[in-house]
Amino acid sequence: MDVLVVDDQDAVREVLAELLEDVGLDVAEAASGEEALSRIARSGPPDVLVTDLDLGSGVSGLRLADDIAQQWPDVGIVFISGRPWLMAQHKLRPQERFLEKPCPFGELLDAVESLRPH
């Protein structure tokens, strides 16, 4: 899979996934950090993880990204959030990007493409 989109808001997740699929990417979806980790355990890691920071109760987007980065350091990670202050204590790694919601689709696509292996 090229991209795994993780967002607890169904409408947001579905729109992001559809837009990425429309440009030819192989996209999977997860509604929570736990679901994302389970999907990765079954199918392997994506090239790029696109995750909201606030995923409701349970594993946060930051925690999900940390778990993935520890096991698969080559996975690109795009954080998206309408709550940028949640990133205050996180220093972006070279393979990470942050976009504030709502972000233009072109910015998301540029971030994903910049992190995909070529």
C-alpha atoms as a PDB file:
ATOM      1  CA  MET A   1       0.000   0.000   0.000  1.00  0.00           C
ATOM      2  CA  ASP A   2       1.223   3.460  -0.857  1.00  0.00           C
ATOM      3  CA  VAL A   3      -0.678   5.425   1.793  1.00  0.00           C
ATOM      4  CA  LEU A   4      -2.532   4.657   5.026  1.00  0.00           C
ATOM      5  CA  VAL A   5      -4.973   7.417   6.027  1.00  0.00           C
ATOM      6  CA  VAL A   6      -5.890   7.494   9.725  1.00  0.00           C
ATOM      7  CA  ASP A   7      -8.615   9.821  10.998  1.00  0.00           C
ATOM      8  CA  ASP A   8     -11.406   9.210  13.496  1.00  0.00           C
ATOM      9  CA  GLN A   9     -13.775  11.426  11.487  1.00  0.00           C
ATOM     10  CA  ASP A  10     -15.252   9.184   8.800  1.00  0.00           C
ATOM     11  CA  ALA A  11     -16.039  11.978   6.341  1.00  0.00           C
ATOM     12  CA  VAL A  12     -12.541  13.483   6.525  1.00  0.00           C
ATOM     13  CA  ARG A  13     -10.832  10.098   6.208  1.00  0.00           C
ATOM     14  CA  GLU A  14     -12.999   9.024   3.285  1.00  0.00           C
ATOM     15  CA  VAL A  15     -12.483  12.275   1.353  1.00  0.00           C
ATOM     16  CA  LEU A  16      -8.698  12.196   1.848  1.00  0.00           C
ATOM     17  CA  ALA A  17      -8.540   8.550   0.788  1.00  0.00           C
ATOM     18  CA  GLU A  18     -10.680   9.160  -2.289  1.00  0.00           C
ATOM     19  CA  LEU A  19      -8.615  12.158  -3.394  1.00  0.00           C
ATOM     20  CA  LEU A  20      -5.381  10.186  -3.031  1.00  0.00           C
ATOM     21  CA  GLU A  21      -6.872   7.210  -4.886  1.00  0.00           C
ATOM     22  CA  ASP A  22      -7.980   9.532  -7.683  1.00  0.00           C
ATOM     23  CA  VAL A  23      -4.330  10.344  -8.431  1.00  0.00           C
ATOM     24  CA  GLY A  24      -3.466   6.651  -8.653  1.00  0.00           C
ATOM     25  CA  LEU A  25      -2.228   5.841  -5.163  1.00  0.00           C
ATOM     26  CA  ASP A  26      -3.052   2.564  -3.404  1.00  0.00           C
ATOM     27  CA  VAL A  27      -4.780   3.799  -0.236  1.00  0.00           C
ATOM     28  CA  ALA A  28      -6.022   2.048   2.900  1.00  0.00           C
ATOM     29  CA  GLU A  29      -8.001   3.623   5.735  1.00  0.00           C
ATOM     30  CA  ALA A  30      -8.151   3.269   9.507  1.00  0.00           C
ATOM     31  CA  ALA A  31     -10.448   5.014  11.982  1.00  0.00           C
ATOM     32  CA  SER A  32      -8.081   4.752  14.953  1.00  0.00           C
ATOM     33  CA  GLY A  33      -4.459   4.278  15.885  1.00  0.00           C
ATOM     34  CA  GLU A  34      -5.233   0.761  17.062  1.00  0.00           C
ATOM     35  CA  GLU A  35      -6.906  -0.117  13.754  1.00  0.00           C
ATOM     36  CA  ALA A  36      -3.926   1.312  11.865  1.00  0.00           C
ATOM     37  CA  LEU A  37      -1.461  -0.795  13.862  1.00  0.00           C
ATOM     38  CA  SER A  38      -3.589  -3.897  13.336  1.00  0.00           C
ATOM     39  CA  ARG A  39      -3.775  -3.264   9.571  1.00  0.00           C
ATOM     40  CA  ILE A  40       0.006  -2.772   9.409  1.00  0.00           C
ATOM     41  CA  ALA A  41       0.568  -5.982  11.377  1.00  0.00           C
ATOM     42  CA  ARG A  42      -1.514  -7.854   8.779  1.00  0.00           C
ATOM     43  CA  SER A  43      -0.426  -6.118   5.571  1.00  0.00           C
ATOM     44  CA  GLY A  44       2.915  -4.480   6.321  1.00  0.00           C
ATOM     45  CA  PRO A  45       3.713  -0.787   6.601  1.00  0.00           C
ATOM     46  CA  PRO A  46       2.633   1.806   4.042  1.00  0.00           C
ATOM     47  CA  ASP A  47       5.093   3.981   2.174  1.00  0.00           C
ATOM     48  CA  VAL A  48       3.412   6.997   3.816  1.00  0.00           C
ATOM     49  CA  LEU A  49       1.167   7.351   6.858  1.00  0.00           C
ATOM     50  CA  VAL A  50      -1.256  10.293   6.811  1.00  0.00           C
ATOM     51  CA  THR A  51      -2.659  10.734  10.303  1.00  0.00           C
ATOM     52  CA  ASP A  52      -4.670  13.198  12.297  1.00  0.00           C
ATOM     53  CA  LEU A  53      -3.093  14.076  15.643  1.00  0.00           C
ATOM     54  CA  ASP A  54      -6.269  13.730  17.702  1.00  0.00           C
ATOM     55  CA  LEU A  55      -7.740  10.280  17.055  1.00  0.00           C
ATOM     56  CA  GLY A  56     -10.150  10.314  19.984  1.00  0.00           C
ATOM     57  CA  SER A  57      -9.570   7.898  22.841  1.00  0.00           C
ATOM     58  CA  GLY A  58      -6.710   5.459  22.563  1.00  0.00           C
ATOM     59  CA  VAL A  59      -3.517   5.806  20.541  1.00  0.00           C
ATOM     60  CA  SER A  60      -2.908   9.382  19.352  1.00  0.00           C
ATOM     61  CA  GLY A  61      -1.483  10.265  15.963  1.00  0.00           C
ATOM     62  CA  LEU A  62       1.843  11.172  17.582  1.00  0.00           C
ATOM     63  CA  ARG A  63       2.025   7.865  19.431  1.00  0.00           C
ATOM     64  CA  LEU A  64       1.083   5.972  16.266  1.00  0.00           C
ATOM     65  CA  ALA A  65       3.816   7.786  14.349  1.00  0.00           C
ATOM     66  CA  ASP A  66       6.388   7.064  17.065  1.00  0.00           C
ATOM     67  CA  ASP A  67       5.499   3.351  17.070  1.00  0.00           C
ATOM     68  CA  ILE A  68       5.767   3.171  13.291  1.00  0.00           C
ATOM     69  CA  ALA A  69       8.998   5.200  13.131  1.00  0.00           C
ATOM     70  CA  GLN A  70      10.646   2.880  15.668  1.00  0.00           C
ATOM     71  CA  GLN A  71       9.757  -0.265  13.713  1.00  0.00           C
ATOM     72  CA  TRP A  72       9.891   1.100  10.165  1.00  0.00           C
ATOM     73  CA  PRO A  73      12.052   4.246  10.086  1.00  0.00           C
ATOM     74  CA  ASP A  74      11.665   4.641   6.313  1.00  0.00           C
ATOM     75  CA  VAL A  75       7.887   5.189   6.465  1.00  0.00           C
ATOM     76  CA  GLY A  76       7.011   8.795   5.647  1.00  0.00           C
ATOM     77  CA  ILE A  77       4.564  10.457   8.025  1.00  0.00           C
ATOM     78  CA  VAL A  78       2.235  13.363   7.298  1.00  0.00           C
ATOM     79  CA  PHE A  79       0.483  14.808  10.335  1.00  0.00           C
ATOM     80  CA  ILE A  80      -2.717  16.747   9.659  1.00  0.00           C
ATOM     81  CA  SER A  81      -4.599  18.627  12.337  1.00  0.00           C
ATOM     82  CA  GLY A  82      -6.752  21.604  13.070  1.00  0.00           C
ATOM     83  CA  ARG A  83      -5.008  21.727  16.450  1.00  0.00           C
ATOM     84  CA  PRO A  84      -1.412  22.681  15.669  1.00  0.00           C
ATOM     85  CA  TRP A  85      -0.599  23.207  19.361  1.00  0.00           C
ATOM     86  CA  LEU A  86      -0.631  19.418  19.733  1.00  0.00           C
ATOM     87  CA  MET A  87       2.674  19.456  17.812  1.00  0.00           C
ATOM     88  CA  ALA A  88       4.294  21.894  20.267  1.00  0.00           C
ATOM     89  CA  GLN A  89       6.515  19.309  21.958  1.00  0.00           C
ATOM     90  CA  HIS A  90       7.229  17.232  18.833  1.00  0.00           C
ATOM     91  CA  LYS A  91      10.288  17.907  16.706  1.00  0.00           C
ATOM     92  CA  LEU A  92       9.623  16.806  13.148  1.00  0.00           C
ATOM     93  CA  ARG A  93      11.930  14.078  11.879  1.00  0.00           C
ATOM     94  CA  PRO A  94      13.313  14.311   8.313  1.00  0.00           C
ATOM     95  CA  GLN A  95      10.658  11.866   7.086  1.00  0.00           C
ATOM     96  CA  GLU A  96       7.767  13.833   8.660  1.00  0.00           C
ATOM     97  CA  ARG A  97       5.621  16.752   7.536  1.00  0.00           C
ATOM     98  CA  PHE A  98       2.892  18.735   9.303  1.00  0.00           C
ATOM     99  CA  LEU A  99      -0.113  20.306   7.582  1.00  0.00           C
ATOM    100  CA  GLU A 100      -2.773  22.348   9.332  1.00  0.00           C
ATOM    101  CA  LYS A 101      -6.406  21.501   8.556  1.00  0.00           C
ATOM    102  CA  PRO A 102      -7.989  22.496   6.365  1.00  0.00           C
ATOM    103  CA  CYS A 103      -5.134  22.194   3.916  1.00  0.00           C
ATOM    104  CA  PRO A 104      -5.339  22.390   0.137  1.00  0.00           C
ATOM    105  CA  PHE A 105      -5.223  18.948  -1.457  1.00  0.00           C
ATOM    106  CA  GLY A 106      -2.183  20.007  -3.503  1.00  0.00           C
ATOM    107  CA  GLU A 107      -0.199  20.539  -0.301  1.00  0.00           C
ATOM    108  CA  LEU A 108      -1.171  17.102   0.991  1.00  0.00           C
ATOM    109  CA  LEU A 109      -0.276  15.462  -2.303  1.00  0.00           C
ATOM    110  CA  ASP A 110       3.079  17.302  -2.412  1.00  0.00           C
ATOM    111  CA  ALA A 111       3.856  16.128   1.137  1.00  0.00           C
ATOM    112  CA  VAL A 112       2.921  12.522   0.344  1.00  0.00           C
ATOM    113  CA  GLU A 113       4.894  12.503  -2.901  1.00  0.00           C
ATOM    114  CA  SER A 114       7.957  14.033  -1.232  1.00  0.00           C
ATOM    115  CA  LEU A 115       8.005  11.150   1.262  1.00  0.00           C
ATOM    116  CA  ARG A 116       7.272   8.222  -1.082  1.00  0.00           C
ATOM    117  CA  PRO A 117      10.241   6.132  -2.206  1.00  0.00           C
ATOM    118  CA  HIS A 118      11.200   6.814  -5.800  1.00  0.00           C
END
